[in-house]
Amino acid sequence: MLDPAYLKSLLTLINDKHYTGMHAADLADELAPESEAPIEFTEAGHKFKYHMDEARQAGLIRQRDKPSADGWGLFVSVDGHWSFTCVALVLTPVGGEFLEELNKPKGIERLKNGLRSVGAAAGTEALKFGVAEVLKAATSGSV
């Protein structure tokens, strides 16, 4: 389930690095801190992966040096262990605009309402619709 506040935190961390970008391993350290178990075996690790996958597929983030590249720096080995490749992540123009709107007083609530109104749509489709709703409210001039 998409957590709007968590998504906002993720996008904010990436945005804080502006043009240099932020590496997925550094994001994981911030949002899914190390525990006794490897990240791939923790709830925090899977929450991180879910939100990164959704943000990437919704077009909110991309690799800095290879804008058209797939993925966000996660490598899953044959035995299921996770490692992170050294790619810098940045917000897309839509991701930057979306974060700007999320930072407004009603931003998170608009995203929640957009996600709710989609009903049975899952993951990326719901997030894409939620992003569209937030940005539509921005262009209509409501705060």
Foldseek 3Di string as FASTA:
>chain_A
DDDLVLLLVLQVVQCVVPLVADFPVVSCCVQPNDDPDALQPDPSSVNSVLSQVLCVLLQFKAFNVDRVDDDRFWDQDPVGHIDGDDTGMHTDPLNVVLSVLCPDPCSSVQLVVQLVVVPPDDRNVSNNSSSVRSVVCVVVPDD
